[in-house]
Amino acid sequence: MSQSPKARVIESTMTVVDMNTGEEHQRSFNWHAMPVAPHLCQICATDHDPLILHNRDSVYYGIMFGNFFGRGPTWADAVAHCSDQIKEQCKTFLVAKGAWSEPPEGMTPIAHFGEHT
């Protein structure tokens, strides 16, 4: 019998509010993310050609990216690993749709993260 892959542990914190006093307290907790199926992109958990953009709207991508960088992924991040030609085509299409997004000022797009770099 083969061994099941282990869930990834994501350390996080939450704010707990005492409903009687209104005091706020930070509490640590862990998320447990199941491994991505082997046939899917290991960055965004979506079935796509490795040469094209990641799915910026993937829940898995958003949670994992946020865990590593403290912000959500942008379309500029999702295409950062692509060729210049693919980047330009995607940006042109998404700008025309009013959907293009960039990282906050002073930050560069991030192509990959964690153990997948």
N, C-alpha and C. Protein backbone atom coordinates (compact mmCIF):
# COMPACT_ATOMS: atom_id res chain seq x y z
N MET A 1 0.84 -1.17 0.00
CA MET A 1 0.00 0.00 0.00
C MET A 1 0.89 1.24 0.00
N SER A 2 0.59 2.21 -0.89
CA SER A 2 1.41 3.40 -0.96
C SER A 2 1.01 4.37 0.14
N GLN A 3 1.97 5.19 0.52
CA GLN A 3 1.74 6.14 1.59
C GLN A 3 1.07 7.40 1.02
N SER A 4 0.07 7.93 1.70
CA SER A 4 -0.62 9.14 1.25
C SER A 4 0.29 10.35 1.42
N PRO A 5 0.21 11.31 0.47
CA PRO A 5 1.00 12.53 0.64
C PRO A 5 0.52 13.30 1.86
N LYS A 6 1.44 14.02 2.48
CA LYS A 6 1.11 14.78 3.69
C LYS A 6 0.56 16.15 3.31
N ALA A 7 -0.35 16.62 4.13
CA ALA A 7 -0.87 17.97 3.97
C ALA A 7 0.21 18.98 4.32
N ARG A 8 0.21 20.12 3.64
CA ARG A 8 1.13 21.20 3.96
C ARG A 8 0.56 21.98 5.12
N VAL A 9 1.39 22.26 6.10
CA VAL A 9 0.96 23.03 7.26
C VAL A 9 1.31 24.49 7.00
N ILE A 10 0.31 25.35 7.14
CA ILE A 10 0.48 26.78 6.92
C ILE A 10 0.22 27.48 8.25
N GLU A 11 1.26 28.04 8.82
CA GLU A 11 1.12 28.75 10.09
C GLU A 11 0.46 30.10 9.85
N SER A 12 -0.43 30.46 10.73
CA SER A 12 -1.15 31.72 10.58
C SER A 12 -1.54 32.25 11.96
N THR A 13 -2.14 33.43 11.96
CA THR A 13 -2.68 34.00 13.20
C THR A 13 -4.08 34.53 12.91
N MET A 14 -4.85 34.64 13.97
CA MET A 14 -6.18 35.24 13.85
C MET A 14 -6.39 36.18 15.03
N THR A 15 -7.28 37.13 14.84
CA THR A 15 -7.65 38.04 15.91
C THR A 15 -8.92 37.51 16.56
N VAL A 16 -8.87 37.32 17.86
CA VAL A 16 -10.02 36.86 18.63
C VAL A 16 -10.50 38.05 19.48
N VAL A 17 -11.78 38.35 19.40
CA VAL A 17 -12.34 39.47 20.14
C VAL A 17 -13.17 38.94 21.31
N ASP A 18 -12.85 39.41 22.50
CA ASP A 18 -13.64 39.07 23.68
C ASP A 18 -14.94 39.86 23.59
N MET A 19 -16.05 39.17 23.43
CA MET A 19 -17.34 39.82 23.22
C MET A 19 -17.82 40.60 24.44
N ASN A 20 -17.29 40.32 25.61
CA ASN A 20 -17.69 41.04 26.81
C ASN A 20 -16.90 42.34 26.99
N THR A 21 -15.60 42.29 26.69
CA THR A 21 -14.76 43.46 26.94
C THR A 21 -14.37 44.20 25.67
N GLY A 22 -14.48 43.54 24.52
CA GLY A 22 -14.05 44.16 23.26
C GLY A 22 -12.56 44.06 23.03
N GLU A 23 -11.83 43.43 23.97
CA GLU A 23 -10.38 43.29 23.82
C GLU A 23 -10.06 42.34 22.67
N GLU A 24 -9.01 42.68 21.94
CA GLU A 24 -8.56 41.85 20.84
C GLU A 24 -7.29 41.11 21.23
N HIS A 25 -7.20 39.86 20.87
CA HIS A 25 -6.03 39.03 21.15
C HIS A 25 -5.65 38.29 19.88
N GLN A 26 -4.35 38.16 19.65
CA GLN A 26 -3.85 37.39 18.51
C GLN A 26 -3.66 35.94 18.95
N ARG A 27 -4.09 35.02 18.12
CA ARG A 27 -3.94 33.60 18.42
C ARG A 27 -3.37 32.88 17.21
N SER A 28 -2.39 32.03 17.44
CA SER A 28 -1.79 31.25 16.37
C SER A 28 -2.67 30.04 16.05
N PHE A 29 -2.66 29.65 14.79
CA PHE A 29 -3.33 28.43 14.38
C PHE A 29 -2.70 27.96 13.08
N ASN A 30 -3.00 26.75 12.66
CA ASN A 30 -2.45 26.19 11.43
C ASN A 30 -3.57 25.79 10.47
N TRP A 31 -3.34 26.10 9.19
CA TRP A 31 -4.16 25.58 8.11
C TRP A 31 -3.50 24.27 7.67
N HIS A 32 -4.26 23.38 7.10
CA HIS A 32 -3.71 22.16 6.53
C HIS A 32 -4.19 22.08 5.09
N ALA A 33 -3.27 22.30 4.15
CA ALA A 33 -3.61 22.28 2.73
C ALA A 33 -3.26 20.91 2.15
N MET A 34 -4.24 20.28 1.56
CA MET A 34 -4.00 18.99 0.93
C MET A 34 -3.07 19.17 -0.26
N PRO A 35 -2.26 18.17 -0.57
CA PRO A 35 -1.36 18.28 -1.72
C PRO A 35 -2.14 18.43 -3.03
N VAL A 36 -1.54 19.11 -3.96
CA VAL A 36 -2.14 19.28 -5.28
C VAL A 36 -1.99 17.96 -6.04
N ALA A 37 -3.01 17.59 -6.78
CA ALA A 37 -2.94 16.36 -7.59
C ALA A 37 -1.74 16.46 -8.53
N PRO A 38 -1.03 15.35 -8.74
CA PRO A 38 0.21 15.38 -9.50
C PRO A 38 0.08 15.90 -10.94
N HIS A 39 -1.10 15.76 -11.54
CA HIS A 39 -1.26 16.18 -12.94
C HIS A 39 -1.59 17.68 -13.06
N LEU A 40 -1.77 18.36 -11.94
CA LEU A 40 -2.08 19.79 -11.97
C LEU A 40 -0.83 20.62 -11.70
N CYS A 41 -0.89 21.88 -12.08
CA CYS A 41 0.19 22.82 -11.77
C CYS A 41 0.37 22.85 -10.26
N GLN A 42 1.58 22.70 -9.80
CA GLN A 42 1.86 22.66 -8.37
C GLN A 42 1.88 24.04 -7.73
N ILE A 43 1.80 25.08 -8.54
CA ILE A 43 1.76 26.45 -8.03
C ILE A 43 0.32 26.92 -7.83
N CYS A 44 -0.54 26.67 -8.84
CA CYS A 44 -1.91 27.20 -8.77
C CYS A 44 -3.00 26.13 -8.74
N ALA A 45 -2.60 24.87 -8.76
CA ALA A 45 -3.55 23.74 -8.68
C ALA A 45 -4.57 23.76 -9.82
N THR A 46 -4.14 24.18 -10.99
CA THR A 46 -5.00 24.25 -12.16
C THR A 46 -4.35 23.45 -13.29
N ASP A 47 -5.16 22.90 -14.17
CA ASP A 47 -4.66 22.15 -15.32
C ASP A 47 -4.35 23.13 -16.44
N HIS A 48 -3.07 23.48 -16.58
CA HIS A 48 -2.66 24.38 -17.68
C HIS A 48 -1.27 24.03 -18.14
N ASP A 49 -0.96 24.42 -19.36
CA ASP A 49 0.37 24.24 -19.93
C ASP A 49 1.35 25.02 -19.06
N PRO A 50 2.49 24.41 -18.69
CA PRO A 50 3.45 25.11 -17.83
C PRO A 50 3.99 26.41 -18.42
N LEU A 51 3.87 26.59 -19.73
CA LEU A 51 4.40 27.79 -20.36
C LEU A 51 3.44 28.97 -20.32
N ILE A 52 2.20 28.76 -19.89
CA ILE A 52 1.25 29.87 -19.82
C ILE A 52 1.01 30.28 -18.37
N LEU A 53 0.23 31.33 -18.22
CA LEU A 53 0.06 31.94 -16.90
C LEU A 53 -0.65 31.03 -15.90
N HIS A 54 -0.34 31.28 -14.63
CA HIS A 54 -1.05 30.61 -13.54
C HIS A 54 -2.45 31.20 -13.41
N ASN A 55 -3.32 30.47 -12.76
CA ASN A 55 -4.67 30.95 -12.51
C ASN A 55 -4.65 31.83 -11.26
N ARG A 56 -4.59 33.13 -11.48
CA ARG A 56 -4.52 34.08 -10.37
C ARG A 56 -5.70 33.95 -9.43
N ASP A 57 -6.84 33.47 -9.95
CA ASP A 57 -8.06 33.37 -9.14
C ASP A 57 -8.22 32.03 -8.43
N SER A 58 -7.24 31.14 -8.57
CA SER A 58 -7.29 29.85 -7.88
C SER A 58 -7.22 30.07 -6.38
N VAL A 59 -8.13 29.43 -5.65
CA VAL A 59 -8.13 29.56 -4.19
C VAL A 59 -6.80 29.07 -3.62
N TYR A 60 -6.31 27.93 -4.13
CA TYR A 60 -5.04 27.38 -3.64
C TYR A 60 -3.90 28.38 -3.86
N TYR A 61 -3.81 28.93 -5.07
CA TYR A 61 -2.76 29.90 -5.39
C TYR A 61 -2.85 31.10 -4.46
N GLY A 62 -4.05 31.62 -4.27
CA GLY A 62 -4.23 32.79 -3.40
C GLY A 62 -3.80 32.53 -1.97
N ILE A 63 -4.18 31.38 -1.43
CA ILE A 63 -3.84 31.07 -0.03
C ILE A 63 -2.34 30.85 0.11
N MET A 64 -1.75 30.05 -0.78
CA MET A 64 -0.33 29.75 -0.66
C MET A 64 0.52 31.00 -0.92
N PHE A 65 0.16 31.77 -1.93
CA PHE A 65 0.90 32.99 -2.24
C PHE A 65 0.82 33.95 -1.06
N GLY A 66 -0.37 34.14 -0.52
CA GLY A 66 -0.54 35.02 0.63
C GLY A 66 0.26 34.57 1.83
N ASN A 67 0.35 33.25 2.01
CA ASN A 67 1.13 32.71 3.13
C ASN A 67 2.62 33.06 2.99
N PHE A 68 3.14 33.00 1.79
CA PHE A 68 4.56 33.29 1.57
C PHE A 68 4.86 34.79 1.57
N PHE A 69 3.95 35.61 1.01
CA PHE A 69 4.29 37.01 0.76
C PHE A 69 3.41 38.03 1.47
N GLY A 70 2.37 37.60 2.15
CA GLY A 70 1.53 38.52 2.89
C GLY A 70 0.65 39.40 2.01
N ARG A 71 0.47 39.02 0.78
CA ARG A 71 -0.42 39.74 -0.14
C ARG A 71 -0.97 38.74 -1.14
N GLY A 72 -2.04 39.12 -1.79
CA GLY A 72 -2.61 38.25 -2.80
C GLY A 72 -1.82 38.31 -4.10
N PRO A 73 -1.92 37.28 -4.93
CA PRO A 73 -1.23 37.30 -6.22
C PRO A 73 -1.91 38.27 -7.19
N THR A 74 -1.13 38.83 -8.08
CA THR A 74 -1.64 39.71 -9.13
C THR A 74 -1.49 38.99 -10.46
N TRP A 75 -2.11 39.56 -11.49
CA TRP A 75 -1.91 38.96 -12.82
C TRP A 75 -0.44 39.08 -13.24
N ALA A 76 0.24 40.14 -12.82
CA ALA A 76 1.67 40.27 -13.13
C ALA A 76 2.46 39.13 -12.50
N ASP A 77 2.08 38.69 -11.29
CA ASP A 77 2.73 37.53 -10.67
C ASP A 77 2.41 36.27 -11.46
N ALA A 78 1.15 36.12 -11.85
CA ALA A 78 0.70 34.90 -12.54
C ALA A 78 1.40 34.68 -13.88
N VAL A 79 1.86 35.77 -14.53
CA VAL A 79 2.55 35.62 -15.81
C VAL A 79 4.06 35.78 -15.69
N ALA A 80 4.56 36.04 -14.50
CA ALA A 80 5.99 36.35 -14.32
C ALA A 80 6.92 35.25 -14.81
N HIS A 81 6.49 33.99 -14.82
CA HIS A 81 7.34 32.89 -15.27
C HIS A 81 7.26 32.66 -16.78
N CYS A 82 6.38 33.37 -17.45
CA CYS A 82 6.14 33.17 -18.88
C CYS A 82 7.18 33.89 -19.74
N SER A 83 7.22 33.53 -21.02
CA SER A 83 8.08 34.23 -21.98
C SER A 83 7.58 35.66 -22.12
N ASP A 84 8.44 36.55 -22.60
CA ASP A 84 8.05 37.95 -22.79
C ASP A 84 6.85 38.06 -23.73
N GLN A 85 6.81 37.22 -24.75
CA GLN A 85 5.69 37.24 -25.70
C GLN A 85 4.37 36.90 -25.01
N ILE A 86 4.35 35.85 -24.21
CA ILE A 86 3.14 35.45 -23.49
C ILE A 86 2.75 36.52 -22.49
N LYS A 87 3.75 37.08 -21.78
CA LYS A 87 3.46 38.15 -20.82
C LYS A 87 2.74 39.31 -21.50
N GLU A 88 3.27 39.74 -22.64
CA GLU A 88 2.69 40.88 -23.34
C GLU A 88 1.29 40.58 -23.85
N GLN A 89 1.08 39.37 -24.40
CA GLN A 89 -0.25 38.99 -24.88
C GLN A 89 -1.27 38.97 -23.74
N CYS A 90 -0.89 38.38 -22.63
CA CYS A 90 -1.79 38.31 -21.47
C CYS A 90 -2.09 39.70 -20.93
N LYS A 91 -1.05 40.53 -20.80
CA LYS A 91 -1.25 41.87 -20.27
C LYS A 91 -2.17 42.67 -21.18
N THR A 92 -1.95 42.61 -22.49
CA THR A 92 -2.79 43.34 -23.44
C THR A 92 -4.25 42.91 -23.32
N PHE A 93 -4.49 41.60 -23.25
CA PHE A 93 -5.84 41.07 -23.13
C PHE A 93 -6.49 41.52 -21.82
N LEU A 94 -5.76 41.38 -20.71
CA LEU A 94 -6.34 41.70 -19.40
C LEU A 94 -6.52 43.21 -19.20
N VAL A 95 -5.64 44.03 -19.75
CA VAL A 95 -5.81 45.48 -19.69
C VAL A 95 -7.09 45.86 -20.44
N ALA A 96 -7.30 45.27 -21.62
CA ALA A 96 -8.50 45.55 -22.41
C ALA A 96 -9.78 45.18 -21.65
N LYS A 97 -9.70 44.18 -20.80
CA LYS A 97 -10.86 43.75 -20.00
C LYS A 97 -10.96 44.51 -18.67
N GLY A 98 -9.98 45.37 -18.40
CA GLY A 98 -9.97 46.11 -17.14
C GLY A 98 -9.61 45.24 -15.94
N ALA A 99 -8.87 44.16 -16.20
CA ALA A 99 -8.59 43.20 -15.13
C ALA A 99 -7.11 43.11 -14.74
N TRP A 100 -6.22 43.76 -15.48
CA TRP A 100 -4.78 43.64 -15.19
C TRP A 100 -4.48 44.18 -13.80
N SER A 101 -3.60 43.50 -13.07
CA SER A 101 -3.20 43.95 -11.74
C SER A 101 -1.70 43.78 -11.55
N GLU A 102 -1.13 44.69 -10.81
CA GLU A 102 0.31 44.71 -10.53
C GLU A 102 0.53 44.59 -9.02
N PRO A 103 1.72 44.15 -8.61
CA PRO A 103 2.04 44.14 -7.18
C PRO A 103 2.06 45.57 -6.63
N PRO A 104 2.00 45.71 -5.31
CA PRO A 104 2.08 47.04 -4.72
C PRO A 104 3.38 47.76 -5.14
N GLU A 105 3.33 49.06 -5.11
CA GLU A 105 4.48 49.87 -5.51
C GLU A 105 5.73 49.44 -4.76
N GLY A 106 6.83 49.33 -5.49
CA GLY A 106 8.10 48.94 -4.90
C GLY A 106 8.33 47.43 -4.86
N MET A 107 7.33 46.65 -5.26
CA MET A 107 7.48 45.19 -5.28
C MET A 107 7.50 44.72 -6.73
N THR A 108 8.28 43.69 -6.98
CA THR A 108 8.32 43.12 -8.32
C THR A 108 7.44 41.87 -8.37
N PRO A 109 6.95 41.52 -9.57
CA PRO A 109 6.16 40.29 -9.69
C PRO A 109 6.97 39.07 -9.28
N ILE A 110 6.28 38.09 -8.71
CA ILE A 110 6.92 36.87 -8.21
C ILE A 110 6.47 35.70 -9.07
N ALA A 111 7.44 35.02 -9.69
CA ALA A 111 7.11 33.94 -10.62
C ALA A 111 6.71 32.66 -9.89
N HIS A 112 7.50 32.20 -8.97
CA HIS A 112 7.25 30.97 -8.23
C HIS A 112 7.61 31.20 -6.79
N PHE A 113 7.22 30.27 -5.95
CA PHE A 113 7.50 30.45 -4.53
C PHE A 113 7.65 29.12 -3.83
N GLY A 114 8.22 29.19 -2.62
CA GLY A 114 8.35 28.01 -1.79
C GLY A 114 9.20 26.93 -2.40
N GLU A 115 8.78 25.70 -2.20
CA GLU A 115 9.57 24.56 -2.67
C GLU A 115 9.53 24.39 -4.17
N HIS A 116 8.74 25.19 -4.86
CA HIS A 116 8.58 25.06 -6.30
C HIS A 116 9.49 25.99 -7.09
N THR A 117 10.35 26.76 -6.43
CA THR A 117 11.21 27.69 -7.15
C THR A 117 12.36 26.96 -7.79
